[in-house]
Amino acid sequence: MWVNLLEHLKNIGLSDNEAKVYMAMLELGPSPVVEIARKAEVNRPTAYVQIESLKKNGLVSTQTKGKKQLYIAESPEHLEDMLDRKLREVSVSKEEFSGVLPDLISLYQSAGHRPTVRFFEGKSGITQIQSLLLKSGVKEVLGITALDDVLKILPKHSENYTPERVKKGIRSRLIYSYSDGPTLKEQDERMLRESKFIQPEKMPFKGDITIYGNNVAITSFEGNVSGVVIEHPEIAKSFRQFFEFLWQQSDNLFK
């Protein structure tokens, strides 16, 4: 029971040692610090520190018996008062934070755009990257991909990712290579997709580049499967321009 109650006390805001000392005091009743420390299984200096902290929260009182200073745990009902007080403090802190947040954001933005880079590993990491795209709220995604490599790692890609993309109304423009030749319709309104096929030998690219919003996701399917998502408007703009160049020139470049 002790362990269970300790966890509950910690969950409402007491530290591990505060919880141990308070539990010991509840069981002992009025006691000197040496007995409390022994019961709580902490050293005496630690017990003193925790008792003082508990006193500040209204959970400990003292009494003098002869020459001894005794410490008494207040009723657990005082824990509710402690929680109410902390909630009020959090509410005040939130109001203060809301007041300074615009200034903090302005200060952050004054230094220019900082790229955010996130790394993902394994098949689960690649599905996380796809999930980020689907939750991004963008209306279009641009892709350059080696379809053989994608399907080798994610054989149900077209059954899982594509229907979710379509359901969210995200249009796709895709430049792809595939060893079996062109397998996607150039214009497929049902799939909200436009595609351009390039023979694998003319685009010896292994992996996937996806551009959406201010993000560029780059995935490698060789060796240890891994991916990176870079969030930066200028980097995304450069990749988007590169994609548009390939899109416009693909018929001439890869005949």
Protein backbone atom coordinates (compact mmCIF):
# COMPACT_ATOMS: atom_id res chain seq x y z
CA MET A 1 0.00 0.00 0.00
CA TRP A 2 2.90 2.33 0.84
CA VAL A 3 4.27 2.16 -2.68
CA ASN A 4 0.88 2.87 -4.24
CA LEU A 5 0.20 5.83 -1.96
CA LEU A 6 3.71 7.21 -2.53
CA GLU A 7 3.09 7.24 -6.27
CA HIS A 8 -0.20 9.09 -5.80
CA LEU A 9 1.48 11.70 -3.57
CA LYS A 10 4.19 12.22 -6.17
CA ASN A 11 1.58 12.54 -8.89
CA ILE A 12 -0.06 15.45 -7.10
CA GLY A 13 3.20 17.32 -6.69
CA LEU A 14 5.27 16.01 -3.78
CA SER A 15 8.86 14.96 -4.41
CA ASP A 16 9.90 11.37 -3.71
CA ASN A 17 11.47 12.26 -0.34
CA GLU A 18 8.64 14.61 0.61
CA ALA A 19 6.17 11.79 0.02
CA LYS A 20 8.22 9.33 2.08
CA VAL A 21 8.56 11.75 5.00
CA TYR A 22 4.89 12.73 4.93
CA MET A 23 3.79 9.07 4.86
CA ALA A 24 6.11 8.29 7.77
CA MET A 25 4.68 11.17 9.79
CA LEU A 26 1.11 10.10 9.09
CA GLU A 27 1.87 6.67 10.55
CA LEU A 28 3.99 7.83 13.49
CA GLY A 29 1.98 10.74 14.80
CA PRO A 30 3.91 13.44 16.74
CA SER A 31 7.56 12.36 16.50
CA PRO A 32 11.12 13.71 16.63
CA VAL A 33 13.00 14.00 13.37
CA VAL A 34 15.25 11.02 14.12
CA GLU A 35 12.25 8.65 14.22
CA ILE A 36 10.74 10.20 11.11
CA ALA A 37 14.01 9.78 9.23
CA ARG A 38 14.27 6.14 10.29
CA LYS A 39 10.69 5.38 9.28
CA ALA A 40 11.04 7.20 5.93
CA GLU A 41 14.41 5.53 5.28
CA VAL A 42 16.21 8.80 4.68
CA ASN A 43 19.05 10.44 6.62
CA ARG A 44 18.28 13.04 9.25
CA PRO A 45 19.47 16.13 7.30
CA THR A 46 17.27 15.05 4.38
CA ALA A 47 14.32 14.59 6.72
CA TYR A 48 14.81 18.14 8.07
CA VAL A 49 14.83 19.58 4.56
CA GLN A 50 11.67 17.70 3.56
CA ILE A 51 9.86 18.65 6.76
CA GLU A 52 10.58 22.33 6.12
CA SER A 53 9.30 21.98 2.57
CA LEU A 54 6.14 20.24 3.78
CA LYS A 55 5.60 22.98 6.36
CA LYS A 56 5.55 25.58 3.59
CA ASN A 57 2.73 23.62 1.95
CA GLY A 58 0.76 23.51 5.21
CA LEU A 59 1.26 19.77 5.64
CA VAL A 60 3.36 19.79 8.84
CA SER A 61 3.03 21.48 12.22
CA THR A 62 5.22 21.31 15.31
CA GLN A 63 4.84 21.00 19.04
CA THR A 64 7.28 21.04 21.92
CA LYS A 65 7.29 18.23 24.48
CA GLY A 66 9.79 18.92 27.22
CA LYS A 67 13.02 19.66 25.41
CA LYS A 68 12.00 17.77 22.29
CA GLN A 69 10.68 19.29 19.10
CA LEU A 70 8.02 17.05 17.64
CA TYR A 71 6.69 17.16 14.10
CA ILE A 72 3.10 16.35 13.19
CA ALA A 73 1.59 15.56 9.81
CA GLU A 74 -1.47 17.67 9.10
CA SER A 75 -4.60 15.95 7.79
CA PRO A 76 -4.36 14.71 4.19
CA GLU A 77 -7.29 17.03 3.47
CA HIS A 78 -4.67 19.80 3.39
CA LEU A 79 -3.31 18.20 0.21
CA GLU A 80 -6.40 19.50 -1.58
CA ASP A 81 -5.62 23.02 -0.35
CA MET A 82 -2.09 22.60 -1.69
CA LEU A 83 -3.43 21.52 -5.07
CA ASP A 84 -5.87 24.44 -5.22
CA ARG A 85 -3.06 26.85 -4.44
CA LYS A 86 -0.85 25.38 -7.14
CA LEU A 87 -3.67 25.58 -9.66
CA ARG A 88 -4.13 29.26 -8.85
CA GLU A 89 -0.39 29.83 -9.25
CA VAL A 90 -0.42 28.03 -12.61
CA SER A 91 -3.38 30.13 -13.73
CA VAL A 92 -1.56 33.35 -12.82
CA SER A 93 1.61 32.09 -14.54
CA LYS A 94 -0.35 31.24 -17.67
CA GLU A 95 -1.87 34.73 -17.77
CA GLU A 96 1.58 36.30 -17.35
CA PHE A 97 3.01 34.02 -20.03
CA SER A 98 0.21 34.93 -22.45
CA GLY A 99 1.15 38.57 -21.93
CA VAL A 100 4.83 38.10 -22.83
CA LEU A 101 4.38 35.42 -25.52
CA PRO A 102 4.03 37.92 -28.42
CA ASP A 103 7.26 39.64 -27.35
CA LEU A 104 9.07 36.30 -27.09
CA ILE A 105 7.85 35.26 -30.55
CA SER A 106 8.94 38.63 -31.97
CA LEU A 107 12.39 38.18 -30.44
CA TYR A 108 12.63 34.66 -31.86
CA GLN A 109 11.58 35.78 -35.33
CA SER A 110 13.98 38.74 -35.33
CA ALA A 111 16.88 36.30 -35.71
CA GLY A 112 15.44 34.98 -38.99
CA HIS A 113 14.20 31.53 -39.83
CA ARG A 114 15.92 28.69 -38.05
CA PRO A 115 15.71 25.29 -39.71
CA THR A 116 14.18 22.53 -37.64
CA VAL A 117 15.62 19.11 -38.41
CA ARG A 118 14.08 15.85 -37.21
CA PHE A 119 15.55 12.40 -37.79
CA PHE A 120 13.61 9.15 -38.15
CA GLU A 121 14.83 5.57 -38.36
CA GLY A 122 13.42 2.30 -39.66
CA LYS A 123 10.10 1.49 -41.28
CA SER A 124 8.21 2.99 -38.34
CA GLY A 125 10.16 6.23 -38.80
CA ILE A 126 9.13 6.44 -42.44
CA THR A 127 5.47 5.98 -41.53
CA GLN A 128 5.93 8.77 -38.94
CA ILE A 129 7.17 11.06 -41.71
CA GLN A 130 4.08 10.24 -43.75
CA SER A 131 1.90 10.90 -40.72
CA LEU A 132 3.47 14.35 -40.26
CA LEU A 133 2.61 15.19 -43.85
CA LEU A 134 -0.97 14.00 -43.50
CA LYS A 135 -1.44 16.11 -40.38
CA SER A 136 0.24 19.22 -41.80
CA GLY A 137 -2.87 20.72 -43.39
CA VAL A 138 -1.16 21.33 -46.76
CA LYS A 139 -3.13 21.21 -50.00
CA GLU A 140 -0.37 19.89 -52.27
CA VAL A 141 2.64 17.60 -51.98
CA LEU A 142 5.48 17.30 -54.49
CA GLY A 143 7.51 14.13 -54.74
CA ILE A 144 10.56 12.66 -56.49
CA THR A 145 10.78 8.97 -55.77
CA ALA A 146 12.26 5.62 -56.74
CA LEU A 147 9.06 3.61 -56.53
CA ASP A 148 10.90 0.26 -56.41
CA ASP A 149 12.64 1.33 -53.19
CA VAL A 150 9.45 2.63 -51.62
CA LEU A 151 7.49 -0.55 -52.31
CA LYS A 152 10.35 -2.73 -51.10
CA ILE A 153 10.09 -1.17 -47.62
CA LEU A 154 6.40 -0.20 -47.67
CA PRO A 155 4.65 -2.75 -49.90
CA LYS A 156 1.20 -1.47 -48.85
CA HIS A 157 2.07 2.17 -49.48
CA SER A 158 -0.73 2.63 -52.02
CA GLU A 159 -3.24 0.98 -49.67
CA ASN A 160 -2.35 2.98 -46.56
CA TYR A 161 -0.84 6.39 -47.31
CA THR A 162 -2.55 7.24 -50.64
CA PRO A 163 -6.19 6.81 -49.48
CA GLU A 164 -5.48 8.95 -46.39
CA ARG A 165 -3.93 11.65 -48.56
CA VAL A 166 -6.95 11.62 -50.88
CA LYS A 167 -9.37 11.68 -47.94
CA LYS A 168 -7.66 14.83 -46.65
CA GLY A 169 -7.88 16.45 -50.09
CA ILE A 170 -4.10 16.71 -50.55
CA ARG A 171 -3.18 16.83 -54.22
CA SER A 172 0.03 15.18 -55.42
CA ARG A 173 2.47 15.77 -58.23
CA LEU A 174 4.97 12.95 -58.55
CA ILE A 175 8.09 12.32 -60.59
CA TYR A 176 8.94 8.64 -60.27
CA SER A 177 11.03 5.80 -61.64
CA TYR A 178 9.95 2.17 -61.65
CA SER A 179 11.56 -0.97 -63.05
CA ASP A 180 8.22 -2.26 -64.39
CA GLY A 181 7.69 0.91 -66.40
CA PRO A 182 4.95 3.55 -66.04
CA THR A 183 2.41 2.15 -63.62
CA LEU A 184 0.58 5.35 -62.61
CA LYS A 185 -1.80 7.39 -64.75
CA GLU A 186 -0.35 10.73 -65.80
CA GLN A 187 -3.65 12.34 -64.81
CA ASP A 188 -5.64 10.58 -62.09
CA GLU A 189 -8.29 12.85 -60.61
CA ARG A 190 -9.70 10.05 -58.46
CA MET A 191 -6.32 9.86 -56.70
CA LEU A 192 -5.81 13.67 -56.86
CA ARG A 193 -2.51 12.91 -58.57
CA GLU A 194 -0.45 13.94 -61.59
CA SER A 195 2.55 11.75 -62.43
CA LYS A 196 5.56 11.78 -64.68
CA PHE A 197 7.54 8.59 -65.27
CA ILE A 198 11.31 8.46 -65.77
CA GLN A 199 13.18 5.28 -66.60
CA PRO A 200 15.34 4.12 -63.66
CA GLU A 201 18.55 4.18 -65.70
CA LYS A 202 17.91 7.81 -66.58
CA MET A 203 17.22 8.76 -62.98
CA PRO A 204 19.56 6.58 -60.86
CA PHE A 205 18.08 8.03 -57.70
CA LYS A 206 17.65 5.83 -54.64
CA GLY A 207 15.18 7.18 -52.17
CA ASP A 208 12.43 9.75 -51.89
CA ILE A 209 12.20 13.53 -51.67
CA THR A 210 8.88 15.01 -50.57
CA ILE A 211 8.14 18.74 -50.42
CA TYR A 212 5.11 20.06 -48.56
CA GLY A 213 4.46 23.43 -46.98
CA ASN A 214 7.72 24.64 -45.44
CA ASN A 215 9.02 21.08 -45.12
CA VAL A 216 11.33 18.83 -47.08
CA ALA A 217 11.37 15.12 -46.20
CA ILE A 218 14.33 13.13 -47.53
CA THR A 219 14.30 9.36 -47.16
CA SER A 220 16.97 6.77 -47.87
CA PHE A 221 15.84 3.18 -48.38
CA GLU A 222 19.30 1.65 -48.77
CA GLY A 223 21.25 0.22 -45.82
CA ASN A 224 19.72 1.42 -42.59
CA VAL A 225 16.38 2.89 -43.61
CA SER A 226 16.19 6.44 -42.34
CA GLY A 227 14.74 9.83 -43.09
CA VAL A 228 15.02 13.48 -42.17
CA VAL A 229 12.43 16.26 -42.19
CA ILE A 230 13.76 19.79 -42.60
CA GLU A 231 11.38 22.63 -41.77
CA HIS A 232 12.59 25.89 -43.28
CA PRO A 233 10.70 28.09 -45.79
CA GLU A 234 13.73 29.01 -47.90
CA ILE A 235 15.02 25.44 -48.09
CA ALA A 236 11.54 24.22 -49.03
CA LYS A 237 11.32 27.00 -51.65
CA SER A 238 14.62 25.90 -53.23
CA PHE A 239 13.55 22.25 -53.40
CA ARG A 240 10.18 23.32 -54.82
CA GLN A 241 11.93 25.30 -57.58
CA PHE A 242 14.15 22.30 -58.32
CA PHE A 243 11.05 20.09 -58.57
CA GLU A 244 9.28 22.56 -60.89
CA PHE A 245 12.34 22.61 -63.16
CA LEU A 246 12.35 18.81 -63.39
CA TRP A 247 8.58 18.76 -63.89
CA GLN A 248 8.68 21.23 -66.76
CA GLN A 249 11.76 19.74 -68.41
CA SER A 250 11.22 16.04 -67.76
CA ASP A 251 9.98 15.29 -71.29
CA ASN A 252 13.08 16.89 -72.80
CA LEU A 253 15.66 15.83 -70.21
CA PHE A 254 14.76 12.16 -69.96
CA LYS A 255 13.72 11.11 -73.47
